[in-house]
Amino acid sequence: MEPGAHTTYAAWLWRPGADVPANGLSLRLTLLANDRDHHGTTSVGSFAPDIRVDGESLLLNDAGLFSLTVRAPGGTIAAKHDWYRDFDLPMEAERGLNSTDSHLCIGEVTIPLIPGAWRGVVAGLEPEPSADLEAALRRRRDHDRAAVATAVASGPAMRDAPGWSPGLRSRPTPSCSHGRSRACPTVSRSSQAIRGSVIGAATP
């Protein structure tokens, strides 16, 4: 998450020294979106945004209510409009809430991987979210270090905390989807949710 902005990054690093296949290696991301609030659900057909691609960016507009920009630096994006139905939400079921959800596939991203380089996507409500993934990671780490320093200076409880706690608390925590689809057409090895708006299913 970008501090102070409605922007989220999802990035992957192919560590240096890994064997590179003859044909290279690419990451394919399936972008799923909805327009619900935190405790709501989306029904098939209720979300019909305008979706178009402009170069390395996918632009989504939901009838003037909000606009979302997804950028894939160094990759390609294909616009889609396919429904992924019947996501099971077990935590909502435990609370007695509606526990079956659907998401609209708005696009697919293909990104060639390069050993030693961060590759991924950025999604934001701003028209041109920064596509510099490494700079975004530095900003997030600086923000978290400042938050920990402020907490430590706030009182003796934090100043006297075990030595491992600041490092643990300053580590960015990934946001993951709790949903499981009973009828999902894509098998994904890993997934990263963009909080509140987009879920990306990654298949190397």
Protein backbone atom coordinates (compact mmCIF):
# COMPACT_ATOMS: atom_id res chain seq x y z
CA MET A 1 0.00 0.00 0.00
CA GLU A 2 1.23 3.49 -0.86
CA PRO A 3 1.23 5.62 2.32
CA GLY A 4 -1.39 8.37 2.06
CA ALA A 5 -2.79 7.25 -1.30
CA HIS A 6 -5.40 4.88 -2.72
CA THR A 7 -2.68 2.89 -4.47
CA THR A 8 -1.44 -0.68 -4.07
CA TYR A 9 1.51 -2.56 -5.53
CA ALA A 10 1.93 -6.29 -6.13
CA ALA A 11 5.45 -7.28 -7.16
CA TRP A 12 7.60 -10.37 -7.50
CA LEU A 13 11.38 -10.79 -7.48
CA TRP A 14 13.18 -13.51 -9.43
CA ARG A 15 16.29 -13.89 -7.32
CA PRO A 16 19.65 -13.52 -9.08
CA GLY A 17 21.48 -16.75 -9.83
CA ALA A 18 18.39 -18.72 -10.83
CA ASP A 19 18.55 -20.78 -13.99
CA VAL A 20 16.89 -18.96 -16.89
CA PRO A 21 14.85 -21.20 -19.23
CA ALA A 22 15.74 -21.00 -22.93
CA ASN A 23 12.44 -19.28 -23.70
CA GLY A 24 12.55 -17.07 -20.61
CA LEU A 25 9.90 -16.97 -17.90
CA SER A 26 6.79 -14.81 -17.66
CA LEU A 27 4.24 -14.11 -14.96
CA ARG A 28 0.55 -14.10 -15.88
CA LEU A 29 -1.84 -12.18 -13.63
CA THR A 30 -5.62 -12.41 -13.75
CA LEU A 31 -7.23 -9.19 -12.49
CA LEU A 32 -10.52 -9.60 -10.64
CA ALA A 33 -12.57 -6.62 -9.48
CA ASN A 34 -15.81 -5.74 -7.70
CA ASP A 35 -17.59 -2.60 -6.50
CA ARG A 36 -18.82 -3.76 -3.10
CA ASP A 37 -18.10 -2.47 0.39
CA HIS A 38 -16.25 -4.50 3.02
CA HIS A 39 -19.21 -6.64 4.13
CA GLY A 40 -21.15 -6.69 0.86
CA THR A 41 -21.13 -9.10 -2.06
CA THR A 42 -21.24 -8.66 -5.83
CA SER A 43 -23.82 -10.47 -7.96
CA VAL A 44 -23.17 -11.42 -11.58
CA GLY A 45 -24.12 -8.55 -13.89
CA SER A 46 -24.45 -5.92 -11.16
CA PHE A 47 -21.00 -4.47 -11.92
CA ALA A 48 -20.58 -3.34 -15.54
CA PRO A 49 -17.67 -0.90 -15.80
CA ASP A 50 -16.15 0.52 -18.96
CA ILE A 51 -12.78 -1.18 -19.51
CA ARG A 52 -10.11 -0.17 -22.01
CA VAL A 53 -6.38 -0.60 -22.48
CA ASP A 54 -3.94 2.20 -23.21
CA GLY A 55 -0.41 0.87 -23.71
CA GLU A 56 0.78 -0.73 -20.46
CA SER A 57 -2.26 0.56 -18.54
CA LEU A 58 -5.78 -0.75 -18.05
CA LEU A 59 -8.38 1.94 -17.33
CA LEU A 60 -11.65 1.08 -15.57
CA ASN A 61 -14.54 3.51 -15.10
CA ASP A 62 -17.65 2.55 -13.17
CA ALA A 63 -20.39 4.84 -14.48
CA GLY A 64 -18.66 7.91 -13.11
CA LEU A 65 -18.62 6.54 -9.53
CA PHE A 66 -14.91 5.80 -9.54
CA SER A 67 -12.01 5.19 -11.91
CA LEU A 68 -9.24 2.66 -11.44
CA THR A 69 -5.91 2.53 -13.26
CA VAL A 70 -3.85 -0.66 -13.38
CA ARG A 71 -0.32 -0.34 -14.77
CA ALA A 72 2.01 -3.18 -15.75
CA PRO A 73 5.46 -1.70 -16.41
CA GLY A 74 7.32 -3.80 -18.97
CA GLY A 75 4.29 -6.04 -19.52
CA THR A 76 1.19 -6.33 -21.67
CA ILE A 77 -2.48 -6.12 -20.67
CA ALA A 78 -5.51 -7.62 -22.39
CA ALA A 79 -8.95 -6.34 -21.38
CA LYS A 80 -11.51 -8.97 -20.30
CA HIS A 81 -15.12 -9.01 -19.13
CA ASP A 82 -15.66 -12.48 -17.64
CA TRP A 83 -17.39 -13.36 -14.38
CA TYR A 84 -15.76 -15.65 -11.81
CA ARG A 85 -18.66 -17.01 -9.78
CA ASP A 86 -19.30 -18.60 -6.38
CA PHE A 87 -16.39 -17.50 -4.21
CA ASP A 88 -16.86 -19.04 -0.77
CA LEU A 89 -16.32 -16.59 2.13
CA PRO A 90 -15.99 -18.78 5.25
CA MET A 91 -15.34 -15.94 7.70
CA GLU A 92 -18.54 -14.18 6.58
CA ALA A 93 -20.44 -17.47 6.89
CA GLU A 94 -19.27 -17.82 10.51
CA ARG A 95 -20.72 -14.37 11.24
CA GLY A 96 -24.05 -15.11 9.56
CA LEU A 97 -23.40 -12.80 6.61
CA ASN A 98 -23.88 -13.46 2.90
CA SER A 99 -20.99 -15.80 2.13
CA THR A 100 -21.07 -16.33 -1.66
CA ASP A 101 -19.40 -13.71 -3.84
CA SER A 102 -18.55 -13.13 -7.51
CA HIS A 103 -15.83 -11.09 -9.17
CA LEU A 104 -15.47 -9.62 -12.63
CA CYS A 105 -12.30 -10.47 -14.54
CA ILE A 106 -11.29 -7.11 -16.00
CA GLY A 107 -8.03 -8.15 -17.63
CA GLU A 108 -5.00 -10.38 -17.90
CA VAL A 109 -1.41 -9.18 -17.52
CA THR A 110 1.69 -10.90 -18.88
CA ILE A 111 5.05 -9.72 -17.52
CA PRO A 112 8.44 -11.14 -18.63
CA LEU A 113 10.55 -11.88 -15.55
CA ILE A 114 14.16 -10.70 -15.27
CA PRO A 115 16.51 -12.16 -12.63
CA GLY A 116 17.28 -9.58 -9.96
CA ALA A 117 14.51 -7.17 -11.01
CA TRP A 118 11.18 -6.47 -9.33
CA ARG A 119 8.29 -6.99 -11.75
CA GLY A 120 4.60 -6.50 -11.06
CA VAL A 121 1.61 -4.19 -11.24
CA VAL A 122 0.29 -1.07 -9.55
CA ALA A 123 -3.39 -0.20 -9.15
CA GLY A 124 -4.75 3.11 -7.91
CA LEU A 125 -7.60 5.56 -8.01
CA GLU A 126 -5.16 8.25 -9.14
CA PRO A 127 -4.90 8.69 -12.95
CA GLU A 128 -1.15 7.99 -13.14
CA PRO A 129 0.09 5.93 -10.16
CA SER A 130 3.88 5.65 -10.15
CA ALA A 131 5.11 2.51 -11.89
CA ASP A 132 8.51 2.52 -10.13
CA LEU A 133 8.15 -0.64 -8.03
CA GLU A 134 11.49 -0.39 -6.23
CA ALA A 135 10.89 3.25 -5.28
CA ALA A 136 7.44 2.30 -3.96
CA LEU A 137 8.99 -0.43 -1.81
CA ARG A 138 11.52 2.05 -0.39
CA ARG A 139 8.73 4.53 0.44
CA ARG A 140 6.75 1.82 2.22
CA ARG A 141 9.76 0.69 4.25
CA ASP A 142 10.62 4.28 5.18
CA HIS A 143 7.00 4.83 6.27
CA ASP A 144 7.01 1.68 8.43
CA ARG A 145 10.36 2.54 10.04
CA ALA A 146 9.04 6.01 10.90
CA ALA A 147 5.87 4.49 12.39
CA VAL A 148 7.91 2.12 14.56
CA ALA A 149 10.24 4.94 15.67
CA THR A 150 7.23 7.07 16.66
CA ALA A 151 5.73 4.17 18.62
CA VAL A 152 9.01 3.46 20.42
CA ALA A 153 9.31 7.12 21.41
CA SER A 154 5.73 7.20 22.72
CA GLY A 155 6.34 5.49 26.04
CA PRO A 156 8.26 2.96 28.13
CA ALA A 157 6.08 0.01 27.06
CA MET A 158 7.47 0.23 23.55
CA ARG A 159 10.97 1.30 24.58
CA ASP A 160 11.25 -1.78 26.83
CA ALA A 161 9.76 -4.20 24.27
CA PRO A 162 11.82 -7.26 23.22
CA GLY A 163 14.53 -6.53 20.70
CA TRP A 164 12.83 -8.50 17.94
CA SER A 165 9.53 -6.61 18.05
CA PRO A 166 10.44 -3.44 16.07
CA GLY A 167 11.76 -5.52 13.19
CA LEU A 168 8.65 -7.67 13.24
CA ARG A 169 6.29 -4.72 13.35
CA SER A 170 8.10 -2.83 10.59
CA ARG A 171 7.72 -5.67 8.10
CA PRO A 172 5.05 -4.92 5.46
CA THR A 173 2.24 -7.47 5.69
CA PRO A 174 0.77 -8.80 2.45
CA SER A 175 -2.99 -8.56 2.07
CA CYS A 176 -4.50 -11.84 0.93
CA SER A 177 -7.91 -12.88 -0.30
CA HIS A 178 -9.86 -15.11 2.08
CA GLY A 179 -12.21 -16.28 -0.67
CA ARG A 180 -12.15 -19.73 -2.25
CA SER A 181 -13.86 -20.19 -5.59
CA ARG A 182 -15.84 -23.34 -6.24
CA ALA A 183 -15.98 -22.57 -9.98
CA CYS A 184 -12.86 -20.62 -10.87
CA PRO A 185 -11.60 -21.17 -14.45
CA THR A 186 -7.98 -20.34 -13.54
CA VAL A 187 -5.74 -22.44 -11.31
CA SER A 188 -3.39 -20.07 -9.50
CA ARG A 189 -0.26 -20.89 -7.51
CA SER A 190 -0.26 -17.64 -5.58
CA SER A 191 -2.60 -14.72 -5.15
CA GLN A 192 -2.31 -11.17 -3.94
CA ALA A 193 -5.37 -9.02 -3.15
CA ILE A 194 -5.39 -5.32 -3.80
CA ARG A 195 -7.34 -4.28 -0.82
CA GLY A 196 -10.88 -3.26 -1.50
CA SER A 197 -10.82 -3.33 -5.28
CA VAL A 198 -8.75 -5.88 -7.19
CA ILE A 199 -7.56 -9.44 -6.67
CA GLY A 200 -4.70 -10.75 -8.80
CA ALA A 201 -4.20 -14.45 -9.42
CA ALA A 202 -0.63 -15.15 -10.50
CA THR A 203 0.36 -18.18 -12.54
CA PRO A 204 4.05 -18.51 -13.51
